[in-house]
């Protein structure tokens, strides 16, 4: 049983690291603010979620596991709210999303 938990925990930790890496690359490569906010929110949700799940499997039924669950709940509630607030503030400030039509017309000029 312990070997199965260790393998599953390792898989979750690797998956979380993969999503964090992909999100970091997305933050660098995305063209505008809104797609960068999306990449950051995916990183927080999937990357941190898998990492917390892997750590939960390693912790077992302890006080550490309860703390990890609380951290996970905080992240899963605060991350979408913060991403929405950032995107709404940018939209109200007048930052326009980059659309495919704008990209194709600017490359023709």
C-alpha atoms as a PDB file:
ATOM      1  CA  UNK A   1       0.000   0.000   0.000  1.00  0.00           C
ATOM      2  CA  UNK A   2       2.789   2.430   0.857  1.00  0.00           C
ATOM      3  CA  UNK A   3       4.476   1.895  -2.500  1.00  0.00           C
ATOM      4  CA  UNK A   4       1.222   2.651  -4.339  1.00  0.00           C
ATOM      5  CA  UNK A   5       0.723   5.859  -2.344  1.00  0.00           C
ATOM      6  CA  UNK A   6       4.324   6.907  -3.024  1.00  0.00           C
ATOM      7  CA  UNK A   7       3.930   6.284  -6.765  1.00  0.00           C
ATOM      8  CA  UNK A   8       0.609   8.162  -6.908  1.00  0.00           C
ATOM      9  CA  UNK A   9       2.056  10.995  -4.846  1.00  0.00           C
ATOM     10  CA  UNK A  10       5.089  11.216  -7.115  1.00  0.00           C
ATOM     11  CA  UNK A  11       2.841  11.285 -10.187  1.00  0.00           C
ATOM     12  CA  UNK A  12       0.765  14.128  -8.689  1.00  0.00           C
ATOM     13  CA  UNK A  13       3.886  16.105  -7.782  1.00  0.00           C
ATOM     14  CA  UNK A  14       5.311  15.661 -11.293  1.00  0.00           C
ATOM     15  CA  UNK A  15       1.998  16.635 -12.888  1.00  0.00           C
ATOM     16  CA  UNK A  16       1.853  19.736 -10.690  1.00  0.00           C
ATOM     17  CA  UNK A  17       5.405  20.667 -11.619  1.00  0.00           C
ATOM     18  CA  UNK A  18       4.553  20.178 -15.305  1.00  0.00           C
ATOM     19  CA  UNK A  19       1.521  22.476 -15.110  1.00  0.00           C
ATOM     20  CA  UNK A  20       3.531  25.103 -13.208  1.00  0.00           C
ATOM     21  CA  UNK A  21       6.237  24.973 -15.873  1.00  0.00           C
ATOM     22  CA  UNK A  22       3.712  25.232 -18.711  1.00  0.00           C
ATOM     23  CA  UNK A  23       2.024  28.149 -16.955  1.00  0.00           C
ATOM     24  CA  UNK A  24       5.332  29.946 -16.486  1.00  0.00           C
ATOM     25  CA  UNK A  25       6.133  29.506 -20.176  1.00  0.00           C
ATOM     26  CA  UNK A  26       2.627  30.733 -20.980  1.00  0.00           C
ATOM     27  CA  UNK A  27       3.192  33.872 -18.921  1.00  0.00           C
ATOM     28  CA  UNK A  28       6.283  34.643 -20.963  1.00  0.00           C
ATOM     29  CA  UNK A  29       4.898  33.790 -24.394  1.00  0.00           C
ATOM     30  CA  UNK A  30       1.293  35.013 -24.339  1.00  0.00           C
ATOM     31  CA  UNK A  31       0.675  38.206 -26.318  1.00  0.00           C
ATOM     32  CA  UNK A  32      -1.621  40.261 -24.089  1.00  0.00           C
ATOM     33  CA  UNK A  33      -2.687  40.812 -20.500  1.00  0.00           C
ATOM     34  CA  UNK A  34      -5.847  38.717 -20.583  1.00  0.00           C
ATOM     35  CA  UNK A  35      -4.176  35.576 -21.899  1.00  0.00           C
ATOM     36  CA  UNK A  36      -1.418  36.003 -19.331  1.00  0.00           C
ATOM     37  CA  UNK A  37      -3.998  36.204 -16.539  1.00  0.00           C
ATOM     38  CA  UNK A  38      -5.550  33.025 -17.922  1.00  0.00           C
ATOM     39  CA  UNK A  39      -2.169  31.251 -17.945  1.00  0.00           C
ATOM     40  CA  UNK A  40      -1.515  32.332 -14.368  1.00  0.00           C
ATOM     41  CA  UNK A  41      -4.906  31.110 -13.165  1.00  0.00           C
ATOM     42  CA  UNK A  42      -4.422  27.728 -14.845  1.00  0.00           C
ATOM     43  CA  UNK A  43      -1.037  27.427 -13.162  1.00  0.00           C
ATOM     44  CA  UNK A  44      -2.526  28.155  -9.784  1.00  0.00           C
ATOM     45  CA  UNK A  45      -5.487  25.855 -10.198  1.00  0.00           C
ATOM     46  CA  UNK A  46      -3.937  22.790 -11.806  1.00  0.00           C
ATOM     47  CA  UNK A  47      -0.302  23.095 -10.765  1.00  0.00           C
ATOM     48  CA  UNK A  48      -0.855  23.928  -7.142  1.00  0.00           C
ATOM     49  CA  UNK A  49      -3.822  21.537  -6.955  1.00  0.00           C
ATOM     50  CA  UNK A  50      -1.755  18.565  -8.081  1.00  0.00           C
ATOM     51  CA  UNK A  51       1.146  19.537  -5.827  1.00  0.00           C
ATOM     52  CA  UNK A  52      -1.165  19.830  -2.825  1.00  0.00           C
ATOM     53  CA  UNK A  53      -2.749  16.476  -3.669  1.00  0.00           C
ATOM     54  CA  UNK A  54       0.681  14.851  -3.836  1.00  0.00           C
ATOM     55  CA  UNK A  55       1.633  16.372  -0.505  1.00  0.00           C
ATOM     56  CA  UNK A  56      -1.673  15.270   1.007  1.00  0.00           C
ATOM     57  CA  UNK A  57      -0.972  11.688  -0.017  1.00  0.00           C
ATOM     58  CA  UNK A  58       2.441  11.881   1.637  1.00  0.00           C
ATOM     59  CA  UNK A  59       1.071  13.471   4.815  1.00  0.00           C
ATOM     60  CA  UNK A  60      -1.596  10.856   5.514  1.00  0.00           C
ATOM     61  CA  UNK A  61      -4.292  11.624   8.096  1.00  0.00           C
ATOM     62  CA  UNK A  62      -2.429  14.195  10.185  1.00  0.00           C
ATOM     63  CA  UNK A  63      -2.688  17.815  11.185  1.00  0.00           C
ATOM     64  CA  UNK A  64      -0.436  18.645   8.230  1.00  0.00           C
ATOM     65  CA  UNK A  65      -3.069  17.193   5.880  1.00  0.00           C
ATOM     66  CA  UNK A  66      -5.745  19.395   7.455  1.00  0.00           C
ATOM     67  CA  UNK A  67      -3.550  22.447   6.914  1.00  0.00           C
ATOM     68  CA  UNK A  68      -2.936  21.438   3.293  1.00  0.00           C
ATOM     69  CA  UNK A  69      -6.685  21.124   2.739  1.00  0.00           C
ATOM     70  CA  UNK A  70      -7.196  24.617   4.166  1.00  0.00           C
ATOM     71  CA  UNK A  71      -4.484  26.018   1.881  1.00  0.00           C
ATOM     72  CA  UNK A  72      -6.114  24.269  -1.084  1.00  0.00           C
ATOM     73  CA  UNK A  73      -9.535  25.697  -0.268  1.00  0.00           C
ATOM     74  CA  UNK A  74      -8.062  29.175   0.073  1.00  0.00           C
ATOM     75  CA  UNK A  75      -6.306  28.909  -3.294  1.00  0.00           C
ATOM     76  CA  UNK A  76      -9.331  27.457  -5.095  1.00  0.00           C
ATOM     77  CA  UNK A  77     -11.583  30.225  -3.774  1.00  0.00           C
ATOM     78  CA  UNK A  78      -9.189  33.175  -4.017  1.00  0.00           C
ATOM     79  CA  UNK A  79      -7.504  32.446  -7.351  1.00  0.00           C
ATOM     80  CA  UNK A  80     -10.570  32.715  -9.625  1.00  0.00           C
ATOM     81  CA  UNK A  81     -11.759  35.766  -7.706  1.00  0.00           C
ATOM     82  CA  UNK A  82      -8.399  37.506  -8.062  1.00  0.00           C
ATOM     83  CA  UNK A  83      -8.139  36.621 -11.758  1.00  0.00           C
ATOM     84  CA  UNK A  84     -11.626  37.973 -12.405  1.00  0.00           C
ATOM     85  CA  UNK A  85     -10.891  41.161 -10.463  1.00  0.00           C
ATOM     86  CA  UNK A  86      -7.656  41.727 -12.411  1.00  0.00           C
ATOM     87  CA  UNK A  87      -9.334  41.160 -15.770  1.00  0.00           C
ATOM     88  CA  UNK A  88     -12.275  43.401 -14.882  1.00  0.00           C
ATOM     89  CA  UNK A  89      -9.998  46.183 -13.643  1.00  0.00           C
ATOM     90  CA  UNK A  90      -7.975  45.985 -16.855  1.00  0.00           C
ATOM     91  CA  UNK A  91     -11.134  46.122 -18.955  1.00  0.00           C
ATOM     92  CA  UNK A  92     -12.478  49.117 -17.012  1.00  0.00           C
ATOM     93  CA  UNK A  93      -9.124  50.828 -17.389  1.00  0.00           C
ATOM     94  CA  UNK A  94      -9.392  50.468 -21.148  1.00  0.00           C
ATOM     95  CA  UNK A  95      -6.919  47.696 -21.894  1.00  0.00           C
ATOM     96  CA  UNK A  96      -8.284  45.969 -24.988  1.00  0.00           C
ATOM     97  CA  UNK A  97      -7.776  42.276 -25.634  1.00  0.00           C
ATOM     98  CA  UNK A  98      -5.651  41.393 -28.649  1.00  0.00           C
ATOM     99  CA  UNK A  99      -7.936  39.818 -31.228  1.00  0.00           C
ATOM    100  CA  UNK A 100      -7.032  37.652 -34.200  1.00  0.00           C
ATOM    101  CA  UNK A 101      -8.388  40.308 -36.619  1.00  0.00           C
ATOM    102  CA  UNK A 102      -6.041  42.951 -35.204  1.00  0.00           C
ATOM    103  CA  UNK A 103      -3.093  40.608 -35.524  1.00  0.00           C
ATOM    104  CA  UNK A 104      -3.726  39.764 -39.195  1.00  0.00           C
ATOM    105  CA  UNK A 105      -4.347  43.396 -40.227  1.00  0.00           C
ATOM    106  CA  UNK A 106      -1.209  44.652 -38.485  1.00  0.00           C
ATOM    107  CA  UNK A 107       0.966  42.059 -40.211  1.00  0.00           C
ATOM    108  CA  UNK A 108      -0.366  43.102 -43.653  1.00  0.00           C
ATOM    109  CA  UNK A 109       0.538  46.768 -43.184  1.00  0.00           C
END
